[in-house]
Amino acid sequence: MRARSGARNDLGNPIGGIIARIASIGTLALGHVLWFVLRIAYRGEPRLAAAAACACVCLVTGVTLWVVVT
């Protein structure tokens, strides 16, 4: 087995850390939006809940595609 080189960067990739942070914040935001949508649906506004859910899915899809493309 080869010994590890002392010249390697063992601190990790900073870009990976940034992506992980953005994914974490996005997941938290999505959780809040879903909580809001379910709260609206529970109160009896199915059209508003459906519109909010559709908008959320479209927004998350758009942001994800933008991040992947750029």
N, C-alpha and C. Protein backbone atom coordinates (compact mmCIF):
# COMPACT_ATOMS: atom_id res chain seq x y z
N MET A 1 0.84 -1.17 0.00
CA MET A 1 0.00 0.00 0.00
C MET A 1 0.90 1.25 0.00
N ARG A 2 0.51 2.22 -0.82
CA ARG A 2 1.32 3.44 -0.89
C ARG A 2 1.11 4.33 0.32
N ALA A 3 2.17 4.96 0.71
CA ALA A 3 2.07 5.93 1.81
C ALA A 3 1.45 7.21 1.28
N ARG A 4 0.76 7.91 2.13
CA ARG A 4 0.15 9.17 1.72
C ARG A 4 1.20 10.25 1.58
N SER A 5 1.02 11.05 0.58
CA SER A 5 1.95 12.14 0.33
C SER A 5 1.68 13.27 1.33
N GLY A 6 2.73 13.85 1.83
CA GLY A 6 2.57 14.97 2.76
C GLY A 6 2.17 16.26 2.06
N ALA A 7 2.28 16.28 0.72
CA ALA A 7 1.97 17.49 -0.04
C ALA A 7 0.48 17.62 -0.35
N ARG A 8 -0.28 16.58 -0.08
CA ARG A 8 -1.71 16.62 -0.42
C ARG A 8 -2.47 17.54 0.54
N ASN A 9 -3.53 18.08 0.06
CA ASN A 9 -4.39 18.92 0.89
C ASN A 9 -5.41 18.02 1.57
N ASP A 10 -5.22 17.78 2.84
CA ASP A 10 -6.13 16.90 3.59
C ASP A 10 -7.27 17.67 4.23
N LEU A 11 -7.38 18.94 3.94
CA LEU A 11 -8.45 19.74 4.54
C LEU A 11 -9.76 19.62 3.77
N GLY A 12 -9.74 19.01 2.62
CA GLY A 12 -10.96 18.87 1.83
C GLY A 12 -11.05 19.96 0.77
N ASN A 13 -12.07 19.84 -0.04
CA ASN A 13 -12.28 20.79 -1.13
C ASN A 13 -13.20 21.90 -0.66
N PRO A 14 -12.77 23.16 -0.73
CA PRO A 14 -13.64 24.26 -0.28
C PRO A 14 -14.91 24.38 -1.11
N ILE A 15 -14.87 24.01 -2.37
CA ILE A 15 -16.07 24.06 -3.21
C ILE A 15 -17.10 23.05 -2.70
N GLY A 16 -16.63 21.89 -2.29
CA GLY A 16 -17.54 20.89 -1.73
C GLY A 16 -18.21 21.39 -0.46
N GLY A 17 -17.47 22.12 0.36
CA GLY A 17 -18.05 22.70 1.57
C GLY A 17 -19.11 23.73 1.25
N ILE A 18 -18.85 24.53 0.22
CA ILE A 18 -19.83 25.54 -0.18
C ILE A 18 -21.09 24.88 -0.71
N ILE A 19 -20.92 23.84 -1.52
CA ILE A 19 -22.08 23.13 -2.06
C ILE A 19 -22.88 22.49 -0.93
N ALA A 20 -22.20 21.92 0.04
CA ALA A 20 -22.88 21.30 1.18
C ALA A 20 -23.65 22.35 1.99
N ARG A 21 -23.06 23.52 2.17
CA ARG A 21 -23.73 24.58 2.93
C ARG A 21 -24.98 25.05 2.19
N ILE A 22 -24.88 25.24 0.87
CA ILE A 22 -26.03 25.68 0.08
C ILE A 22 -27.13 24.62 0.10
N ALA A 23 -26.73 23.36 -0.01
CA ALA A 23 -27.72 22.27 0.03
C ALA A 23 -28.41 22.22 1.39
N SER A 24 -27.67 22.47 2.45
CA SER A 24 -28.25 22.46 3.79
C SER A 24 -29.25 23.60 3.97
N ILE A 25 -28.87 24.79 3.51
CA ILE A 25 -29.77 25.94 3.62
C ILE A 25 -30.99 25.74 2.74
N GLY A 26 -30.79 25.18 1.54
CA GLY A 26 -31.92 24.91 0.65
C GLY A 26 -32.88 23.90 1.23
N THR A 27 -32.34 22.88 1.89
CA THR A 27 -33.20 21.87 2.52
C THR A 27 -33.99 22.49 3.66
N LEU A 28 -33.36 23.33 4.45
CA LEU A 28 -34.06 24.01 5.53
C LEU A 28 -35.18 24.90 4.99
N ALA A 29 -34.89 25.66 3.94
CA ALA A 29 -35.90 26.52 3.33
C ALA A 29 -37.05 25.70 2.76
N LEU A 30 -36.71 24.59 2.09
CA LEU A 30 -37.76 23.72 1.55
C LEU A 30 -38.63 23.16 2.66
N GLY A 31 -38.04 22.79 3.77
CA GLY A 31 -38.81 22.30 4.91
C GLY A 31 -39.78 23.35 5.43
N HIS A 32 -39.32 24.60 5.52
CA HIS A 32 -40.21 25.67 5.98
C HIS A 32 -41.36 25.90 5.00
N VAL A 33 -41.05 25.87 3.72
CA VAL A 33 -42.09 26.07 2.70
C VAL A 33 -43.10 24.93 2.74
N LEU A 34 -42.62 23.70 2.86
CA LEU A 34 -43.54 22.58 2.94
C LEU A 34 -44.40 22.65 4.20
N TRP A 35 -43.82 23.07 5.31
CA TRP A 35 -44.60 23.25 6.53
C TRP A 35 -45.71 24.27 6.31
N PHE A 36 -45.38 25.39 5.64
CA PHE A 36 -46.36 26.43 5.36
C PHE A 36 -47.46 25.90 4.44
N VAL A 37 -47.08 25.15 3.41
CA VAL A 37 -48.06 24.59 2.47
C VAL A 37 -48.99 23.62 3.17
N LEU A 38 -48.43 22.75 3.99
CA LEU A 38 -49.27 21.80 4.72
C LEU A 38 -50.18 22.50 5.73
N ARG A 39 -49.70 23.56 6.31
CA ARG A 39 -50.54 24.33 7.24
C ARG A 39 -51.72 24.97 6.50
N ILE A 40 -51.46 25.50 5.31
CA ILE A 40 -52.53 26.07 4.50
C ILE A 40 -53.52 24.98 4.10
N ALA A 41 -53.01 23.82 3.69
CA ALA A 41 -53.88 22.72 3.28
C ALA A 41 -54.73 22.24 4.45
N TYR A 42 -54.17 22.20 5.62
CA TYR A 42 -54.91 21.74 6.79
C TYR A 42 -56.04 22.71 7.14
N ARG A 43 -55.82 23.98 6.87
CA ARG A 43 -56.85 24.97 7.17
C ARG A 43 -57.95 25.04 6.13
N GLY A 44 -57.83 24.25 5.07
CA GLY A 44 -58.93 24.15 4.12
C GLY A 44 -58.81 25.00 2.87
N GLU A 45 -57.61 25.37 2.49
CA GLU A 45 -57.41 26.15 1.26
C GLU A 45 -56.63 25.30 0.27
N PRO A 46 -57.27 24.30 -0.34
CA PRO A 46 -56.51 23.39 -1.21
C PRO A 46 -55.96 24.06 -2.47
N ARG A 47 -56.68 25.03 -3.03
CA ARG A 47 -56.15 25.70 -4.23
C ARG A 47 -54.90 26.49 -3.93
N LEU A 48 -54.92 27.19 -2.82
CA LEU A 48 -53.74 27.97 -2.42
C LEU A 48 -52.58 27.05 -2.09
N ALA A 49 -52.87 25.94 -1.43
CA ALA A 49 -51.82 24.98 -1.10
C ALA A 49 -51.23 24.37 -2.36
N ALA A 50 -52.07 24.02 -3.32
CA ALA A 50 -51.59 23.44 -4.57
C ALA A 50 -50.75 24.46 -5.35
N ALA A 51 -51.19 25.71 -5.37
CA ALA A 51 -50.43 26.75 -6.07
C ALA A 51 -49.08 26.98 -5.40
N ALA A 52 -49.07 27.00 -4.07
CA ALA A 52 -47.81 27.20 -3.35
C ALA A 52 -46.87 26.02 -3.56
N ALA A 53 -47.41 24.81 -3.55
CA ALA A 53 -46.57 23.62 -3.76
C ALA A 53 -45.99 23.63 -5.17
N CYS A 54 -46.80 23.98 -6.15
CA CYS A 54 -46.33 24.03 -7.54
C CYS A 54 -45.24 25.10 -7.69
N ALA A 55 -45.48 26.25 -7.09
CA ALA A 55 -44.48 27.32 -7.17
C ALA A 55 -43.18 26.90 -6.50
N CYS A 56 -43.29 26.21 -5.38
CA CYS A 56 -42.10 25.74 -4.66
C CYS A 56 -41.32 24.74 -5.50
N VAL A 57 -42.02 23.80 -6.09
CA VAL A 57 -41.35 22.78 -6.91
C VAL A 57 -40.68 23.44 -8.12
N CYS A 58 -41.38 24.37 -8.76
CA CYS A 58 -40.80 25.07 -9.91
C CYS A 58 -39.57 25.88 -9.50
N LEU A 59 -39.64 26.55 -8.38
CA LEU A 59 -38.53 27.36 -7.90
C LEU A 59 -37.32 26.48 -7.57
N VAL A 60 -37.54 25.40 -6.84
CA VAL A 60 -36.44 24.52 -6.47
C VAL A 60 -35.82 23.87 -7.71
N THR A 61 -36.66 23.47 -8.67
CA THR A 61 -36.14 22.89 -9.90
C THR A 61 -35.31 23.91 -10.67
N GLY A 62 -35.81 25.12 -10.77
CA GLY A 62 -35.08 26.17 -11.47
C GLY A 62 -33.74 26.49 -10.82
N VAL A 63 -33.73 26.60 -9.51
CA VAL A 63 -32.48 26.89 -8.80
C VAL A 63 -31.49 25.74 -8.96
N THR A 64 -32.00 24.51 -8.85
CA THR A 64 -31.11 23.36 -9.01
C THR A 64 -30.50 23.32 -10.41
N LEU A 65 -31.31 23.55 -11.43
CA LEU A 65 -30.78 23.56 -12.80
C LEU A 65 -29.79 24.69 -12.98
N TRP A 66 -30.07 25.84 -12.41
CA TRP A 66 -29.15 26.98 -12.52
C TRP A 66 -27.80 26.65 -11.88
N VAL A 67 -27.85 26.02 -10.70
CA VAL A 67 -26.61 25.67 -10.01
C VAL A 67 -25.82 24.64 -10.81
N VAL A 68 -26.51 23.66 -11.38
CA VAL A 68 -25.83 22.62 -12.15
C VAL A 68 -25.23 23.20 -13.43
N VAL A 69 -25.97 24.05 -14.12
CA VAL A 69 -25.49 24.59 -15.39
C VAL A 69 -24.34 25.58 -15.18
N THR A 70 -24.43 26.40 -14.15
CA THR A 70 -23.37 27.37 -13.92
C THR A 70 -22.34 26.72 -13.05
